[in-house]
Amino acid sequence: MEIAREIHDQCGPLFGTSAVKAHRLAHGVALSDIVAQVRALFELDGKPEPKLGETLLSAYESGYKRPGPEYLHYLCAVYRVEPVQLGFANLCVCGRPHAAPVAVSGGGDVRAPEPEPLVGNVVARPERRRWLPVGRGESGRAENPASIDVGEEDIVLRRTLLQLLAGAGVAVDGQFLGAVDGLRRKMDDTLVNATVSPTMLDQWEETTLGYGQIYQATPSLRMLCDVLLDFSEVRRMCDMRQPVELQERLCGIAARLSALSGLIMINLGDHRLARSFFRTARTAADETGDRKLRAWVTVREALVPMYYGDPREALHLARKAQDLAGRDPSVAAAMGPAVEARALGMLALRGRGDAGPGARRALARGRSVFERLTNEDTNDLVFGFTDRQMTFYEGDTFTNLGDHKQGDEVLSRALTLYAPSDRVDLTLVKLDRALCKLNAGNADGALVTAQDAILDLPPEHRSDILMHRARQIGAEVKVRHGKMPALDAFNEAMTGPWVKSPATSDPSTEV
């Protein structure tokens, strides 16, 4: 241990040698030797052969990845040290010390015995025999799939959720975003080799669909924590080898949860992570062979460039979704033309002459398909496409086309269709009405409407997508009318101390 500490102290600053690598170098063994020891311990404990290899162990040593609780436990057992001595602050899941027992000399001095060589000293491998996976009975059925592989991402998300529930301020910092993206990457890794668990699939599908009912009413950060904790459970189920016939259902759940996480990341303003989640959702949806699901993921992904990118990309994705959806009525078949119309409206606003007629034709196609959807398809704001969403998309398109009179009429109708709890879309409709007033030449009215739309929201619901849209209206007022007293007051309202971000607000204000 002293040698390892000396190596880390001397080589860490110069070469970036990590504590866990220093322990291996102190024992003078190769990566393959440590992997062999960990596999031997797994076999002794009656567990299947771990996926730990030299590449993954090297990633731990270089700091690119952190071992999960189970691998950390076995690395501590191999090196006979505690996690903190390997450079990891986590406590070991076993709750027992790993350090070698100390010996007491006759003079009362306490000293640790010299460590024995690692390689070949842990255990001799027993005869190879068939092991049942941990947590399974003789039938091979999973008894408690959720009890394995609880990673650091789960700990970060649960801590954030508890802080939100306790009313504490929560910062969306690098650790939180790292946990979010780390969890998504784990799902990416799992999907490559995933087989399917039959456990609780009906319950997971019901839980996933239930998120569609509360998506707009729940603060985005709180919603993200809930969704990703379930996403993590689904990933663990994907990681278990199970009958293939249920693979499509489980991958379908993963696709929906990942796409829902992407939608939430749009609300939180992180378009990079939003794109990553949609990419994961596409990977999962491709495993199902369900064209309608693939089309739904694609049309929802189009909202990323719609709000934070190039409307031409949104147009491309909307048309791709329509190709995937085919001719049969479906959510994506109706939503695709509506998103196409919004994208064309934005291009018309930027001066593209042929975009206006195309936008109106797309709206007509979308409304025609929408009229043929089932009640089930038109009753969900996330996994379906509702009349209020269709109306909002129509009003947004007319607004961008400069038809402020018809736009305001349609948006006024949309306001009557949304419930007060549908906060995101309801606020976007109000902001579109502000733009209608601006197009009609009423700059003061536009600023008042936009400001009221934001300040009427509880602080924890003032997500980035809404603040971004409101500030765009302020910027457009400045371009068209220059500096004006109302604009100064508006900009102050959008940056004042009473405009809290969802990450630092008090959830006790939720209604």
Protein backbone atom coordinates (compact mmCIF):
# COMPACT_ATOMS: atom_id res chain seq x y z
CA MET A 1 0.00 0.00 0.00
CA GLU A 2 2.85 2.36 0.83
CA ILE A 3 4.46 1.63 -2.53
CA ALA A 4 1.20 2.33 -4.32
CA ARG A 5 0.81 5.61 -2.47
CA GLU A 6 4.37 6.60 -3.36
CA ILE A 7 3.78 5.79 -7.04
CA HIS A 8 0.61 7.83 -7.05
CA ASP A 9 2.22 10.78 -5.28
CA GLN A 10 5.25 10.84 -7.58
CA CYS A 11 3.74 9.88 -10.93
CA GLY A 12 0.25 11.34 -10.59
CA PRO A 13 1.26 14.99 -11.08
CA LEU A 14 3.69 14.14 -13.88
CA PHE A 15 1.93 11.41 -15.83
CA GLY A 16 -1.62 11.40 -14.50
CA THR A 17 -1.22 8.01 -12.87
CA SER A 18 -4.43 7.25 -10.98
CA ALA A 19 -4.60 5.62 -7.56
CA VAL A 20 -6.12 2.42 -8.92
CA LYS A 21 -3.37 2.13 -11.54
CA ALA A 22 -0.73 2.82 -8.90
CA HIS A 23 -1.92 -0.21 -6.93
CA ARG A 24 -1.56 -2.46 -9.95
CA LEU A 25 1.90 -1.08 -10.72
CA ALA A 26 2.90 -1.56 -7.09
CA HIS A 27 2.12 -5.26 -7.41
CA GLY A 28 3.92 -5.48 -10.73
CA VAL A 29 1.09 -7.21 -12.57
CA ALA A 30 -0.60 -6.69 -15.93
CA LEU A 31 -4.18 -5.72 -16.65
CA SER A 32 -4.95 -9.29 -17.69
CA ASP A 33 -3.83 -10.55 -14.29
CA ILE A 34 -6.29 -8.28 -12.45
CA VAL A 35 -9.08 -9.27 -14.82
CA ALA A 36 -8.33 -12.93 -14.13
CA GLN A 37 -8.48 -12.36 -10.38
CA VAL A 38 -11.83 -10.56 -10.58
CA ARG A 39 -13.26 -13.33 -12.75
CA ALA A 40 -12.05 -15.93 -10.28
CA LEU A 41 -13.81 -14.15 -7.42
CA PHE A 42 -17.00 -13.93 -9.47
CA GLU A 43 -16.81 -17.67 -10.08
CA LEU A 44 -16.26 -18.38 -6.39
CA ASP A 45 -19.34 -16.33 -5.53
CA GLY A 46 -21.45 -18.31 -7.97
CA LYS A 47 -21.89 -15.47 -10.43
CA PRO A 48 -21.73 -15.52 -14.22
CA GLU A 49 -18.47 -14.45 -15.80
CA PRO A 50 -18.28 -10.63 -15.64
CA LYS A 51 -17.97 -8.43 -18.69
CA LEU A 52 -14.90 -6.78 -17.19
CA GLY A 53 -12.02 -6.85 -19.63
CA GLU A 54 -8.67 -5.17 -20.08
CA THR A 55 -10.22 -2.30 -22.06
CA LEU A 56 -12.75 -1.48 -19.36
CA LEU A 57 -10.17 -1.83 -16.59
CA SER A 58 -7.84 0.50 -18.49
CA ALA A 59 -10.70 3.02 -18.74
CA TYR A 60 -11.05 2.87 -14.93
CA GLU A 61 -7.32 3.48 -14.54
CA SER A 62 -7.27 6.38 -16.99
CA GLY A 63 -10.31 8.04 -15.42
CA TYR A 64 -12.53 7.79 -18.50
CA LYS A 65 -14.98 5.58 -16.61
CA ARG A 66 -15.81 4.79 -12.99
CA PRO A 67 -16.48 1.25 -11.82
CA GLY A 68 -20.00 0.45 -10.69
CA PRO A 69 -20.62 -0.74 -7.12
CA GLU A 70 -20.16 -4.43 -7.97
CA TYR A 71 -16.89 -4.08 -9.91
CA LEU A 72 -15.57 -1.66 -7.29
CA HIS A 73 -16.24 -4.24 -4.58
CA TYR A 74 -14.23 -6.91 -6.43
CA LEU A 75 -11.37 -4.56 -7.26
CA CYS A 76 -11.14 -3.71 -3.55
CA ALA A 77 -11.17 -7.43 -2.75
CA VAL A 78 -8.35 -8.11 -5.22
CA TYR A 79 -6.15 -5.24 -3.99
CA ARG A 80 -7.22 -5.67 -0.33
CA VAL A 81 -7.89 -1.97 0.12
CA GLU A 82 -10.87 0.31 0.61
CA PRO A 83 -12.48 2.29 -2.27
CA VAL A 84 -10.99 5.59 -1.14
CA GLN A 85 -7.49 4.14 -1.47
CA LEU A 86 -8.28 3.32 -5.11
CA GLY A 87 -9.33 6.93 -5.65
CA PHE A 88 -13.10 6.43 -5.38
CA ALA A 89 -15.05 8.16 -2.65
CA ASN A 90 -17.91 5.66 -2.70
CA LEU A 91 -18.44 3.27 0.17
CA CYS A 92 -18.32 -0.38 -0.81
CA VAL A 93 -21.71 -2.04 -1.20
CA CYS A 94 -20.67 -5.02 0.92
CA GLY A 95 -20.25 -2.89 4.06
CA ARG A 96 -17.20 -4.90 5.15
CA PRO A 97 -13.51 -3.89 5.27
CA HIS A 98 -11.24 -5.15 2.51
CA ALA A 99 -7.85 -4.27 3.98
CA ALA A 100 -5.61 -7.14 5.03
CA PRO A 101 -5.73 -7.85 8.80
CA VAL A 102 -3.07 -6.18 10.88
CA ALA A 103 -0.65 -7.85 13.19
CA VAL A 104 0.37 -6.53 16.64
CA SER A 105 4.02 -6.85 17.60
CA GLY A 106 5.16 -7.62 21.10
CA GLY A 107 6.12 -4.00 21.68
CA GLY A 108 2.59 -2.81 20.98
CA ASP A 109 3.35 -1.47 17.51
CA VAL A 110 0.68 -2.10 14.94
CA ARG A 111 1.83 -2.95 11.48
CA ALA A 112 0.31 -4.52 8.39
CA PRO A 113 1.87 -7.73 7.14
CA GLU A 114 3.63 -7.68 3.84
CA PRO A 115 1.11 -8.29 1.04
CA GLU A 116 1.34 -11.62 -0.69
CA PRO A 117 1.62 -11.69 -4.44
CA LEU A 118 -1.71 -11.04 -6.07
CA VAL A 119 -1.59 -13.21 -9.13
CA GLY A 120 -2.31 -16.86 -8.44
CA ASN A 121 -2.93 -16.16 -4.77
CA VAL A 122 -6.62 -15.29 -4.65
CA VAL A 123 -8.06 -18.72 -5.35
CA ALA A 124 -7.61 -21.63 -7.59
CA ARG A 125 -10.45 -21.84 -10.05
CA PRO A 126 -12.90 -24.62 -9.17
CA GLU A 127 -14.12 -27.04 -11.78
CA ARG A 128 -16.10 -25.25 -14.43
CA ARG A 129 -19.80 -25.76 -13.85
CA ARG A 130 -23.04 -24.14 -14.87
CA TRP A 131 -23.90 -21.17 -12.65
CA LEU A 132 -27.35 -19.67 -12.28
CA PRO A 133 -27.34 -15.87 -12.55
CA VAL A 134 -27.50 -13.99 -9.28
CA GLY A 135 -31.02 -13.31 -8.08
CA ARG A 136 -32.55 -16.28 -9.94
CA GLY A 137 -34.12 -19.46 -8.72
CA GLU A 138 -33.74 -22.88 -10.21
CA SER A 139 -36.26 -21.90 -12.88
CA GLY A 140 -33.86 -19.23 -14.07
CA ARG A 141 -36.46 -16.49 -13.61
CA ALA A 142 -35.30 -13.15 -12.27
CA GLU A 143 -36.35 -12.63 -8.66
CA ASN A 144 -35.20 -9.06 -8.14
CA PRO A 145 -33.70 -7.57 -11.30
CA ALA A 146 -33.72 -4.07 -9.86
CA SER A 147 -31.27 -4.99 -7.09
CA ILE A 148 -28.20 -5.29 -9.31
CA ASP A 149 -25.92 -2.75 -10.94
CA VAL A 150 -27.13 0.34 -9.11
CA GLY A 151 -24.72 2.85 -10.57
CA GLU A 152 -23.47 6.25 -9.49
CA GLU A 153 -25.90 7.88 -11.94
CA ASP A 154 -28.80 6.55 -9.88
CA ILE A 155 -27.28 7.96 -6.72
CA VAL A 156 -26.92 11.43 -8.26
CA LEU A 157 -30.48 11.39 -9.61
CA ARG A 158 -31.99 10.15 -6.35
CA ARG A 159 -30.09 12.79 -4.39
CA THR A 160 -31.32 15.50 -6.76
CA LEU A 161 -34.89 14.25 -6.51
CA LEU A 162 -34.72 14.22 -2.69
CA GLN A 163 -33.35 17.77 -2.68
CA LEU A 164 -36.18 18.90 -4.96
CA LEU A 165 -38.76 17.21 -2.75
CA ALA A 166 -37.20 18.86 0.32
CA GLY A 167 -37.43 22.30 -1.29
CA ALA A 168 -33.68 22.78 -1.53
CA GLY A 169 -32.01 24.67 -4.36
CA VAL A 170 -30.49 22.36 -6.95
CA ALA A 171 -27.83 23.39 -9.45
CA VAL A 172 -27.72 21.71 -12.85
CA ASP A 173 -23.96 21.25 -12.66
CA GLY A 174 -21.43 19.08 -14.43
CA GLN A 175 -21.94 16.17 -12.05
CA PHE A 176 -25.69 16.08 -12.70
CA LEU A 177 -25.36 16.42 -16.48
CA GLY A 178 -22.55 13.85 -16.42
CA ALA A 179 -24.84 11.40 -14.60
CA VAL A 180 -27.62 12.06 -17.11
CA ASP A 181 -25.39 11.48 -20.12
CA GLY A 182 -23.62 8.57 -18.40
CA LEU A 183 -26.94 6.82 -17.95
CA ARG A 184 -27.83 7.40 -21.59
CA ARG A 185 -24.45 5.99 -22.66
CA LYS A 186 -25.03 2.90 -20.54
CA MET A 187 -28.30 2.33 -22.36
CA ASP A 188 -26.46 2.74 -25.68
CA ASP A 189 -23.94 0.11 -24.58
CA THR A 190 -26.66 -2.21 -23.34
CA LEU A 191 -28.79 -2.00 -26.48
CA VAL A 192 -25.97 -3.37 -28.59
CA ASN A 193 -26.10 -6.73 -26.81
CA ALA A 194 -29.48 -6.47 -25.13
CA THR A 195 -31.82 -9.36 -24.53
CA VAL A 196 -35.17 -8.90 -22.92
CA SER A 197 -36.60 -9.51 -19.49
CA PRO A 198 -40.28 -10.47 -19.19
CA THR A 199 -40.48 -9.00 -15.70
CA MET A 200 -43.11 -6.35 -15.10
CA LEU A 201 -43.37 -5.32 -18.76
CA ASP A 202 -47.06 -4.48 -18.45
CA GLN A 203 -46.33 -2.27 -15.44
CA TRP A 204 -43.44 -0.51 -17.20
CA GLU A 205 -45.58 0.21 -20.25
CA GLU A 206 -48.32 1.66 -18.04
CA THR A 207 -45.77 3.73 -16.13
CA THR A 208 -44.26 5.06 -19.36
CA LEU A 209 -47.64 6.03 -20.80
CA GLY A 210 -48.53 7.65 -17.47
CA TYR A 211 -45.71 10.14 -17.95
CA GLY A 212 -47.54 11.48 -20.99
CA GLN A 213 -50.40 12.58 -18.73
CA ILE A 214 -48.24 14.55 -16.27
CA TYR A 215 -45.46 15.76 -18.59
CA GLN A 216 -46.72 19.34 -18.97
CA ALA A 217 -47.86 19.70 -15.35
CA THR A 218 -44.60 18.60 -13.69
CA PRO A 219 -41.49 20.82 -13.39
CA SER A 220 -38.96 19.69 -15.99
CA LEU A 221 -36.09 18.87 -13.63
CA ARG A 222 -38.35 16.85 -11.32
CA MET A 223 -39.80 15.04 -14.32
CA LEU A 224 -36.33 14.24 -15.65
CA CYS A 225 -35.30 12.61 -12.38
CA ASP A 226 -38.41 10.42 -12.29
CA VAL A 227 -38.12 9.39 -15.94
CA LEU A 228 -34.40 8.61 -15.78
CA LEU A 229 -34.75 6.50 -12.64
CA ASP A 230 -37.24 4.34 -14.53
CA PHE A 231 -35.00 4.49 -17.60
CA SER A 232 -32.19 3.11 -15.46
CA GLU A 233 -34.35 0.21 -14.29
CA VAL A 234 -35.29 -0.61 -17.88
CA ARG A 235 -31.62 -0.53 -18.87
CA ARG A 236 -30.83 -3.07 -16.17
CA MET A 237 -33.61 -5.31 -17.44
CA CYS A 238 -32.20 -5.00 -20.95
CA ASP A 239 -28.85 -6.15 -19.60
CA MET A 240 -30.30 -9.47 -18.43
CA ARG A 241 -30.49 -12.37 -20.83
CA GLN A 242 -34.14 -13.33 -21.23
CA PRO A 243 -36.50 -14.79 -23.86
CA VAL A 244 -36.12 -12.97 -27.14
CA GLU A 245 -39.85 -12.81 -27.85
CA LEU A 246 -40.22 -9.92 -25.36
CA GLN A 247 -37.31 -7.91 -26.71
CA GLU A 248 -39.43 -5.65 -28.88
CA ARG A 249 -41.67 -4.59 -25.99
CA LEU A 250 -38.77 -3.74 -23.72
CA CYS A 251 -36.91 -1.86 -26.45
CA GLY A 252 -40.14 0.01 -27.16
CA ILE A 253 -40.26 1.14 -23.53
CA ALA A 254 -36.61 2.19 -23.72
CA ALA A 255 -37.28 4.16 -26.92
CA ARG A 256 -40.22 6.03 -25.39
CA LEU A 257 -38.42 6.84 -22.13
CA SER A 258 -35.32 8.00 -23.99
CA ALA A 259 -37.34 10.20 -26.35
CA LEU A 260 -39.26 11.61 -23.39
CA SER A 261 -35.92 12.44 -21.75
CA GLY A 262 -34.94 14.19 -24.97
CA LEU A 263 -38.12 16.28 -24.85
CA ILE A 264 -37.37 17.27 -21.26
CA MET A 265 -33.81 18.23 -22.20
CA ILE A 266 -35.30 20.52 -24.89
CA ASN A 267 -37.31 22.21 -22.14
CA LEU A 268 -34.16 22.54 -20.02
CA GLY A 269 -32.26 24.08 -22.93
CA ASP A 270 -29.60 21.39 -23.40
CA HIS A 271 -30.01 20.58 -27.10
CA ARG A 272 -26.81 18.49 -27.16
CA LEU A 273 -28.13 16.01 -24.60
CA ALA A 274 -31.55 16.16 -26.24
CA ARG A 275 -30.04 15.00 -29.53
CA SER A 276 -28.12 12.27 -27.72
CA PHE A 277 -31.27 10.94 -26.07
CA PHE A 278 -33.11 10.90 -29.38
CA ARG A 279 -30.21 9.03 -30.94
CA THR A 280 -30.52 6.42 -28.18
CA ALA A 281 -34.28 6.33 -28.75
CA ARG A 282 -33.71 5.65 -32.46
CA THR A 283 -31.37 2.79 -31.61
CA ALA A 284 -33.97 1.25 -29.32
CA ALA A 285 -36.84 1.83 -31.76
CA ASP A 286 -34.88 0.21 -34.57
CA GLU A 287 -34.73 -2.96 -32.47
CA THR A 288 -38.53 -3.16 -32.39
CA GLY A 289 -39.19 -3.11 -36.13
CA ASP A 290 -42.16 -0.84 -35.36
CA ARG A 291 -42.26 1.78 -38.11
CA LYS A 292 -44.86 3.88 -36.28
CA LEU A 293 -42.65 4.05 -33.19
CA ARG A 294 -39.62 4.94 -35.30
CA ALA A 295 -41.66 7.63 -37.02
CA TRP A 296 -42.84 9.02 -33.67
CA VAL A 297 -39.26 9.23 -32.35
CA THR A 298 -38.17 10.99 -35.56
CA VAL A 299 -40.95 13.59 -35.56
CA ARG A 300 -40.34 14.34 -31.89
CA GLU A 301 -36.62 14.71 -32.60
CA ALA A 302 -37.53 17.40 -35.17
CA LEU A 303 -38.45 19.68 -32.26
CA VAL A 304 -34.75 20.00 -31.31
CA PRO A 305 -33.73 21.97 -34.43
CA MET A 306 -37.17 23.59 -34.42
CA TYR A 307 -36.32 25.45 -31.22
CA TYR A 308 -32.51 25.36 -31.06
CA GLY A 309 -31.21 24.82 -34.57
CA ASP A 310 -31.94 25.14 -38.25
CA PRO A 311 -35.59 24.83 -39.39
CA ARG A 312 -34.31 23.11 -42.53
CA GLU A 313 -33.17 20.19 -40.38
CA ALA A 314 -36.56 20.15 -38.66
CA LEU A 315 -38.19 20.07 -42.10
CA HIS A 316 -36.01 17.13 -43.15
CA LEU A 317 -36.83 15.13 -40.01
CA ALA A 318 -40.55 15.88 -40.30
CA ARG A 319 -40.62 14.57 -43.86
CA LYS A 320 -38.55 11.55 -42.90
CA ALA A 321 -41.07 10.78 -40.15
CA GLN A 322 -43.91 10.92 -42.69
CA ASP A 323 -42.06 8.47 -44.93
CA LEU A 324 -41.64 6.08 -42.00
CA ALA A 325 -45.26 6.45 -40.94
CA GLY A 326 -46.63 5.51 -44.34
CA ARG A 327 -50.21 6.06 -45.42
CA ASP A 328 -52.03 4.62 -42.42
CA PRO A 329 -53.30 7.15 -39.84
CA SER A 330 -50.94 7.42 -36.88
CA VAL A 331 -49.58 9.99 -34.45
CA ALA A 332 -46.47 10.63 -36.56
CA ALA A 333 -48.50 10.69 -39.79
CA ALA A 334 -50.55 13.58 -38.39
CA MET A 335 -47.83 15.35 -36.44
CA GLY A 336 -45.27 15.12 -39.27
CA PRO A 337 -47.11 17.50 -41.66
CA ALA A 338 -47.87 19.86 -38.76
CA VAL A 339 -44.17 20.05 -37.83
CA GLU A 340 -43.33 20.42 -41.52
CA ALA A 341 -45.72 23.38 -41.69
CA ARG A 342 -44.12 25.05 -38.66
CA ALA A 343 -40.64 24.59 -40.14
CA LEU A 344 -41.78 26.04 -43.48
CA GLY A 345 -43.38 28.93 -41.61
CA MET A 346 -40.05 29.69 -39.94
CA LEU A 347 -38.31 29.55 -43.33
CA ALA A 348 -40.94 31.89 -44.78
CA LEU A 349 -40.24 34.28 -41.92
CA ARG A 350 -36.59 34.21 -43.00
CA GLY A 351 -37.49 35.13 -46.57
CA ARG A 352 -37.92 31.81 -48.38
CA GLY A 353 -40.58 32.67 -50.97
CA ASP A 354 -41.94 29.19 -51.74
CA ALA A 355 -42.30 28.20 -48.09
CA GLY A 356 -45.65 29.89 -47.44
CA PRO A 357 -47.84 27.88 -49.87
CA GLY A 358 -46.06 24.67 -48.84
CA ALA A 359 -46.79 25.38 -45.18
CA ARG A 360 -50.51 25.81 -45.85
CA ARG A 361 -50.64 22.57 -47.87
CA ALA A 362 -48.82 20.72 -45.08
CA LEU A 363 -51.33 22.02 -42.51
CA ALA A 364 -54.21 20.74 -44.66
CA ARG A 365 -52.59 17.30 -44.92
CA GLY A 366 -51.92 17.19 -41.20
CA ARG A 367 -55.50 18.17 -40.30
CA SER A 368 -56.85 15.56 -42.74
CA VAL A 369 -54.84 12.75 -41.10
CA PHE A 370 -55.59 14.08 -37.61
CA GLU A 371 -59.34 13.75 -38.21
CA ARG A 372 -58.83 10.00 -38.74
CA LEU A 373 -56.90 9.33 -35.52
CA THR A 374 -58.41 7.25 -32.72
CA ASN A 375 -59.39 8.71 -29.36
CA GLU A 376 -56.42 6.95 -27.82
CA ASP A 377 -54.05 8.76 -30.19
CA THR A 378 -55.59 12.18 -29.51
CA ASN A 379 -55.63 12.05 -25.72
CA ASP A 380 -51.91 12.16 -24.91
CA LEU A 381 -49.66 15.23 -25.17
CA VAL A 382 -46.46 13.18 -25.45
CA PHE A 383 -47.13 9.82 -27.08
CA GLY A 384 -50.19 11.05 -28.95
CA PHE A 385 -51.18 14.22 -30.81
CA THR A 386 -54.08 16.19 -29.39
CA ASP A 387 -56.49 18.67 -30.93
CA ARG A 388 -55.00 21.45 -28.82
CA GLN A 389 -51.52 20.63 -30.14
CA MET A 390 -52.77 20.55 -33.72
CA THR A 391 -54.47 23.90 -33.20
CA PHE A 392 -51.32 25.35 -31.59
CA TYR A 393 -49.21 24.20 -34.56
CA GLU A 394 -51.69 25.79 -36.98
CA GLY A 395 -51.64 29.07 -35.08
CA ASP A 396 -47.84 29.05 -34.87
CA THR A 397 -47.59 28.50 -38.63
CA PHE A 398 -50.00 31.33 -39.46
CA THR A 399 -48.06 33.60 -37.09
CA ASN A 400 -44.75 32.86 -38.82
CA LEU A 401 -46.37 33.35 -42.22
CA GLY A 402 -47.30 36.89 -41.16
CA ASP A 403 -51.04 36.17 -41.11
CA HIS A 404 -51.40 37.69 -37.65
CA LYS A 405 -55.19 37.97 -37.79
CA GLN A 406 -55.84 34.30 -38.54
CA GLY A 407 -52.94 33.32 -36.30
CA ASP A 408 -54.41 35.18 -33.35
CA GLU A 409 -57.85 33.66 -33.96
CA VAL A 410 -56.48 30.11 -34.04
CA LEU A 411 -54.21 30.67 -31.04
CA SER A 412 -57.13 32.12 -29.08
CA ARG A 413 -59.01 28.90 -29.76
CA ALA A 414 -55.98 26.87 -28.65
CA LEU A 415 -55.96 28.70 -25.31
CA THR A 416 -59.48 27.44 -24.63
CA LEU A 417 -58.42 23.85 -25.33
CA TYR A 418 -55.40 23.67 -23.04
CA ALA A 419 -55.80 22.91 -19.36
CA PRO A 420 -54.06 25.25 -16.87
CA SER A 421 -51.68 22.40 -16.00
CA ASP A 422 -50.42 22.14 -19.62
CA ARG A 423 -47.87 24.78 -18.77
CA VAL A 424 -45.27 24.41 -21.53
CA ASP A 425 -47.56 24.47 -24.57
CA LEU A 426 -49.97 26.91 -22.93
CA THR A 427 -47.15 29.40 -22.40
CA LEU A 428 -45.83 28.87 -25.93
CA VAL A 429 -49.31 29.69 -27.24
CA LYS A 430 -49.35 32.91 -25.21
CA LEU A 431 -45.91 33.82 -26.55
CA ASP A 432 -47.10 33.19 -30.10
CA ARG A 433 -50.01 35.57 -29.45
CA ALA A 434 -47.45 38.14 -28.34
CA LEU A 435 -45.71 37.69 -31.70
CA CYS A 436 -49.04 38.17 -33.46
CA LYS A 437 -49.39 41.53 -31.73
CA LEU A 438 -45.89 42.45 -32.79
CA ASN A 439 -46.68 41.53 -36.42
CA ALA A 440 -49.76 43.74 -36.17
CA GLY A 441 -47.57 46.67 -35.12
CA ASN A 442 -48.37 46.62 -31.38
CA ALA A 443 -44.88 46.30 -29.90
CA ASP A 444 -45.91 47.44 -26.41
CA GLY A 445 -48.76 44.92 -26.33
CA ALA A 446 -46.42 42.16 -27.50
CA LEU A 447 -43.97 42.83 -24.67
CA VAL A 448 -46.71 42.96 -22.03
CA THR A 449 -48.24 39.69 -23.27
CA ALA A 450 -44.87 37.92 -23.35
CA GLN A 451 -43.90 39.21 -19.91
CA ASP A 452 -47.22 38.18 -18.37
CA ALA A 453 -46.91 34.72 -19.96
CA ILE A 454 -43.59 34.12 -18.17
CA LEU A 455 -44.38 35.76 -14.84
CA ASP A 456 -47.71 33.92 -14.57
CA LEU A 457 -45.73 30.67 -14.36
CA PRO A 458 -44.54 29.28 -11.01
CA PRO A 459 -40.74 29.75 -10.92
CA GLU A 460 -39.97 26.02 -11.21
CA HIS A 461 -41.86 25.88 -14.52
CA ARG A 462 -39.91 28.72 -16.18
CA SER A 463 -37.86 26.34 -18.26
CA ASP A 464 -35.21 27.41 -20.73
CA ILE A 465 -37.36 26.80 -23.80
CA LEU A 466 -39.94 29.32 -22.55
CA MET A 467 -37.37 31.91 -21.46
CA HIS A 468 -35.56 31.47 -24.78
CA ARG A 469 -38.77 32.06 -26.73
CA ALA A 470 -39.70 35.13 -24.67
CA ARG A 471 -36.26 36.68 -25.15
CA GLN A 472 -36.53 36.06 -28.89
CA ILE A 473 -39.64 38.25 -28.91
CA GLY A 474 -37.75 40.97 -27.05
CA ALA A 475 -34.91 40.74 -29.57
CA GLU A 476 -37.39 40.99 -32.47
CA VAL A 477 -38.95 44.10 -30.92
CA LYS A 478 -35.52 45.70 -30.74
CA VAL A 479 -34.79 44.87 -34.38
CA ARG A 480 -38.08 46.32 -35.59
CA HIS A 481 -38.54 49.29 -33.24
CA GLY A 482 -35.15 49.98 -31.71
CA LYS A 483 -34.77 50.98 -28.07
CA MET A 484 -37.95 51.82 -26.22
CA PRO A 485 -38.87 52.16 -22.52
CA ALA A 486 -41.13 49.11 -22.56
CA LEU A 487 -38.29 47.00 -23.93
CA ASP A 488 -35.96 48.01 -21.10
CA ALA A 489 -38.64 47.05 -18.57
CA PHE A 490 -39.21 43.75 -20.38
CA ASN A 491 -35.50 42.84 -20.42
CA GLU A 492 -35.27 43.67 -16.73
CA ALA A 493 -38.25 41.43 -16.02
CA MET A 494 -36.65 38.56 -17.95
CA THR A 495 -33.42 38.81 -15.94
CA GLY A 496 -34.70 40.01 -12.56
CA PRO A 497 -34.22 38.06 -9.32
CA TRP A 498 -37.87 36.97 -9.39
CA VAL A 499 -37.26 35.01 -12.61
CA LYS A 500 -35.74 31.89 -11.13
CA SER A 501 -34.50 28.99 -13.19
CA PRO A 502 -36.05 25.55 -12.67
CA ALA A 503 -32.77 24.37 -11.17
CA THR A 504 -32.77 26.81 -8.25
CA SER A 505 -36.44 27.34 -7.49
CA ASP A 506 -38.47 26.13 -4.56
CA PRO A 507 -40.74 23.21 -5.47
CA SER A 508 -43.08 24.19 -2.62
CA THR A 509 -44.51 26.85 -4.93
CA GLU A 510 -45.89 24.21 -7.27
CA VAL A 511 -49.66 24.34 -7.78
